[in-house]
Structures are given as structure tokens and as C-alpha cells.
Protein backbone atom coordinates (compact mmCIF):
# COMPACT_ATOMS: atom_id res chain seq x y z
CA MET A 1 0.17 0.20 0.32
CA SER A 2 1.22 3.57 -0.76
CA ASP A 3 0.35 4.54 2.26
CA ALA A 4 2.01 1.95 4.12
CA ARG A 5 -0.82 1.32 6.35
CA ASP A 6 -2.52 -1.93 7.62
CA PRO A 7 -5.35 -2.62 5.35
CA TYR A 8 -7.11 -4.08 8.39
CA GLU A 9 -6.89 -0.79 9.59
CA VAL A 10 -7.79 1.50 6.67
CA LEU A 11 -11.72 -0.67 6.68
CA GLY A 12 -11.29 -0.82 10.37
CA VAL A 13 -11.98 -4.79 10.26
CA PRO A 14 -10.25 -7.64 12.74
CA ARG A 15 -7.77 -9.76 11.10
CA THR A 16 -10.56 -12.61 11.90
CA ALA A 17 -12.68 -11.30 9.48
CA SER A 18 -14.92 -12.63 6.58
CA VAL A 19 -14.41 -11.61 3.30
CA ARG A 20 -18.19 -10.58 3.69
CA GLN A 21 -17.19 -8.79 6.72
CA ILE A 22 -14.78 -6.61 4.89
CA ARG A 23 -16.64 -5.40 1.72
CA ALA A 24 -19.46 -4.33 3.70
CA ALA A 25 -16.82 -2.25 5.71
CA TYR A 26 -15.86 -1.78 2.83
CA VAL A 27 -18.56 -0.40 0.81
CA GLU A 28 -19.53 1.89 3.98
CA ARG A 29 -16.57 3.61 3.99
CA ALA A 30 -16.63 4.10 0.39
CA ARG A 31 -19.96 5.68 0.54
CA ARG A 32 -18.82 8.52 3.01
CA ALA A 33 -15.57 9.29 1.20
CA HIS A 34 -15.87 8.57 -2.25
CA PRO A 35 -14.97 11.94 -3.94
CA ASP A 36 -18.26 11.85 -6.28
CA LEU A 37 -19.92 12.91 -2.67
CA VAL A 38 -16.88 14.97 -0.52
CA GLY A 39 -15.00 16.41 -3.50
CA GLN A 40 -11.17 15.88 -3.97
CA ARG A 41 -10.35 15.62 -0.11
CA GLY A 42 -11.94 12.66 -0.87
CA LEU A 43 -9.37 11.33 -2.95
CA ASP A 44 -6.30 10.14 -0.61
CA VAL A 45 -8.72 8.24 1.28
CA MET A 46 -10.43 6.43 -1.44
CA ARG A 47 -6.44 5.29 -2.97
CA SER A 48 -6.43 3.61 0.63
CA LEU A 49 -9.15 1.95 1.00
CA ASN A 50 -9.29 0.86 -2.58
CA GLU A 51 -5.86 -1.01 -2.17
CA ALA A 52 -6.88 -2.33 1.69
CA TRP A 53 -9.86 -4.01 -0.07
CA ALA A 54 -7.53 -5.04 -3.67
CA VAL A 55 -5.22 -7.15 -0.71
CA LEU A 56 -8.26 -7.69 1.33
CA LYS A 57 -10.52 -9.36 -1.28
CA ASP A 58 -7.83 -11.73 -2.85
CA ALA A 59 -7.19 -14.74 -0.96
CA GLU A 60 -3.66 -15.26 -1.93
CA ARG A 61 -2.54 -11.73 -1.25
CA ARG A 62 -4.50 -11.28 1.75
CA ILE A 63 -2.24 -14.54 3.15
CA ALA A 64 0.70 -12.93 1.60
CA PHE A 65 0.32 -9.76 3.58
CA ASP A 66 -0.37 -12.00 7.07
CA VAL A 67 2.51 -13.92 6.34
CA ALA A 68 5.15 -10.86 5.75
CA ASN A 69 3.59 -8.98 8.84
CA GLY A 70 4.42 -11.50 11.69
CA GLY A 71 1.08 -12.90 11.97
CA THR A 72 -0.26 -15.95 10.98
CA SER A 73 -3.27 -16.10 7.62
CA SER A 74 -6.05 -15.30 8.88
CA ALA A 75 -7.66 -15.54 5.80
CA ASP A 76 -7.92 -19.73 5.82
CA ALA A 77 -9.66 -18.76 9.25
CA ALA A 78 -11.86 -16.44 8.03
CA GLY A 79 -13.32 -18.73 5.50
CA SER A 80 -12.56 -16.72 2.24
CA SER A 81 -13.11 -19.38 -0.05
CA ALA A 82 -16.56 -21.05 0.13
CA PHE A 83 -14.96 -24.01 -1.94
CA PRO A 84 -11.36 -25.06 -0.95
CA ASN A 85 -8.73 -25.72 -4.04
CA ASP A 86 -10.14 -28.97 -5.37
CA PRO A 87 -8.40 -30.51 -8.63
CA ASN A 88 -11.27 -32.21 -9.41
CA ARG A 89 -13.18 -28.68 -9.68
CA PRO A 90 -12.83 -26.65 -12.98
CA PHE A 91 -10.93 -23.54 -12.37
CA TRP A 92 -14.09 -21.13 -12.69
CA THR A 93 -15.88 -22.79 -9.93
CA GLY A 94 -17.40 -20.09 -7.42
CA ALA A 95 -15.86 -17.00 -9.49
CA ALA A 96 -18.99 -15.52 -8.94
CA GLY A 97 -17.61 -14.82 -5.57
CA PRO A 98 -19.38 -15.50 -2.45
CA PRO A 99 -23.18 -15.28 -2.20
CA PRO A 100 -25.16 -11.92 -1.77
CA GLY A 101 -27.34 -13.11 1.23
CA ARG A 102 -30.77 -14.04 1.62
CA PRO A 103 -30.43 -17.34 0.17
CA TRP A 104 -33.65 -19.08 -1.31
CA GLY A 105 -33.59 -22.60 -2.75
CA SER A 106 -31.23 -25.02 -3.81
CA VAL A 107 -27.68 -24.24 -3.85
CA LEU A 108 -25.33 -25.00 -6.58
CA ASP A 109 -22.21 -27.26 -6.06
CA PHE A 110 -21.25 -26.57 -9.41
CA GLY A 111 -19.96 -23.73 -12.04
CA ILE A 112 -19.39 -20.04 -11.04
CA TYR A 113 -22.71 -19.50 -8.99
CA ALA A 114 -21.43 -22.49 -6.92
CA GLY A 115 -22.17 -21.85 -3.28
CA TRP A 116 -25.07 -19.79 -4.22
CA SER A 117 -28.82 -20.52 -4.01
CA LEU A 118 -31.37 -20.35 -7.12
CA GLY A 119 -32.93 -16.92 -5.26
CA GLU A 120 -30.17 -15.14 -5.13
CA ILE A 121 -28.42 -15.94 -8.55
CA SER A 122 -32.35 -15.16 -9.77
CA ARG A 123 -31.79 -11.41 -7.84
CA ARG A 124 -28.16 -11.00 -9.80
CA ASP A 125 -28.56 -12.68 -12.93
CA ARG A 126 -31.81 -14.49 -14.82
CA GLY A 127 -29.87 -15.08 -17.90
CA TYR A 128 -27.59 -17.83 -15.81
CA LEU A 129 -30.69 -19.60 -15.05
CA MET A 130 -32.40 -19.67 -18.47
CA TRP A 131 -28.99 -21.17 -19.72
CA LEU A 132 -29.13 -23.53 -16.19
CA ARG A 133 -32.35 -24.15 -16.93
CA ASP A 134 -31.66 -26.96 -20.17
CA ARG A 135 -28.10 -28.20 -18.66
CA PRO A 136 -27.66 -32.02 -17.33
CA GLU A 137 -26.55 -30.73 -14.09
CA ALA A 138 -29.33 -29.07 -13.03
CA SER A 139 -32.09 -31.51 -13.96
CA ALA A 140 -32.77 -32.27 -10.38
CA MET A 141 -33.68 -28.48 -9.86
CA ARG A 142 -35.53 -27.67 -12.83
CA LEU A 143 -38.91 -27.03 -11.77
CA GLU A 144 -37.81 -24.89 -9.43
CA ILE A 145 -35.82 -22.66 -12.00
CA LEU A 146 -39.00 -23.01 -14.08
CA ARG A 147 -40.81 -21.53 -10.92
CA LEU A 148 -37.86 -18.22 -10.91
CA ILE A 149 -37.94 -17.63 -14.14
CA ASP A 150 -41.61 -17.41 -14.51
CA PRO A 151 -43.24 -17.34 -11.46
CA ASN A 152 -46.55 -16.04 -12.35
CA GLY A 153 -46.72 -18.34 -14.93
CA GLU A 154 -48.84 -21.67 -15.08
CA GLU A 155 -47.29 -24.97 -12.92
CA PRO A 156 -43.92 -25.31 -15.15
CA VAL A 157 -43.99 -28.13 -17.75
CA GLU A 158 -41.16 -30.43 -17.89
CA PRO A 159 -40.00 -29.83 -21.57
CA ARG A 160 -39.95 -32.47 -23.95
CA ARG A 161 -37.01 -33.83 -25.41
CA SER A 162 -36.75 -34.71 -29.50
CA ARG A 163 -35.79 -38.64 -30.51
CA ARG A 164 -33.79 -36.76 -33.01
């Protein structure tokens, strides 16, 4: 960081904070210090906040910072990743990040939204549900997905597959 301040101090979070807590602190402070709201005096504060967020949101950079500053790796203890490094999972698994909250419905254990509930996905990316609807991995959730796509529709009917 350019001003050599501890990113935990900049964001006002403990070293054991989860990524969700760190993000909430970042968003709260960024809203108060954003240059669009407070003018030029907010530039330095926003730079510090952005640098702190960049270090603490990335598990590898956070671990490196913790170890370099004489601490143990707090990112692992804080549960920064929904899925540990599993060589059998594709690299994009969970790429959408941690779930936003207010889970509802089945939870995916595959794809970019791994760890997210169908309700969270429907609020963030309905197009993904449209794509997921016809995927074989989601066959057990198909009726739930159809209800989320069209909540006012008639009782969903399983799509027919042609015999080609």
C-alpha cells in the first residue's frame, strides 16, 4: 500500500474478519469518502480504501500480507473461499464470488455460482437461470428454476426432448 498503513486498520476490521465483513466495511467507508460526494479531499481516502480492499479481498494477497507482517494466515481462518482448492473442480467454480445473502432454494455446487442459492442467482443473473434450465447438471432443480424464471406462469411443464 502506498501509505504503508495496515489494510485492516484502513477498513476498520479485525484480522479474523470474513471477506463478507471486509466488503461491507469497504462499501460503507467508500460511500462516505467517495470523491463524487466529498470532492477532491476524498481522493486519498478512496485510494487507501481501494488498496486495502484489493489486498484483503484476494485470498492469496491477504495471506501474503499476513505472513509478511508476522501474523498467521487469517484468510483461511476467516473462510475466504466457499470451496477449497480441489483439483477435481474446474478453475471457474465459484468465480462469481461469495453469495450475496438472503439464500432461498437449492444451492449449486458447480459452475460460476457455486455456493449460491437459486434465489440469489435469480436476483443477480436471471440469464444464467435461463441457460441453466436446460443443462443436465441442473435436471434435479429444473422445476424450481422454471418457477423462478416465470413466477406468475402456470404450473411448469417439463420440456419435451425430441427423439432425433
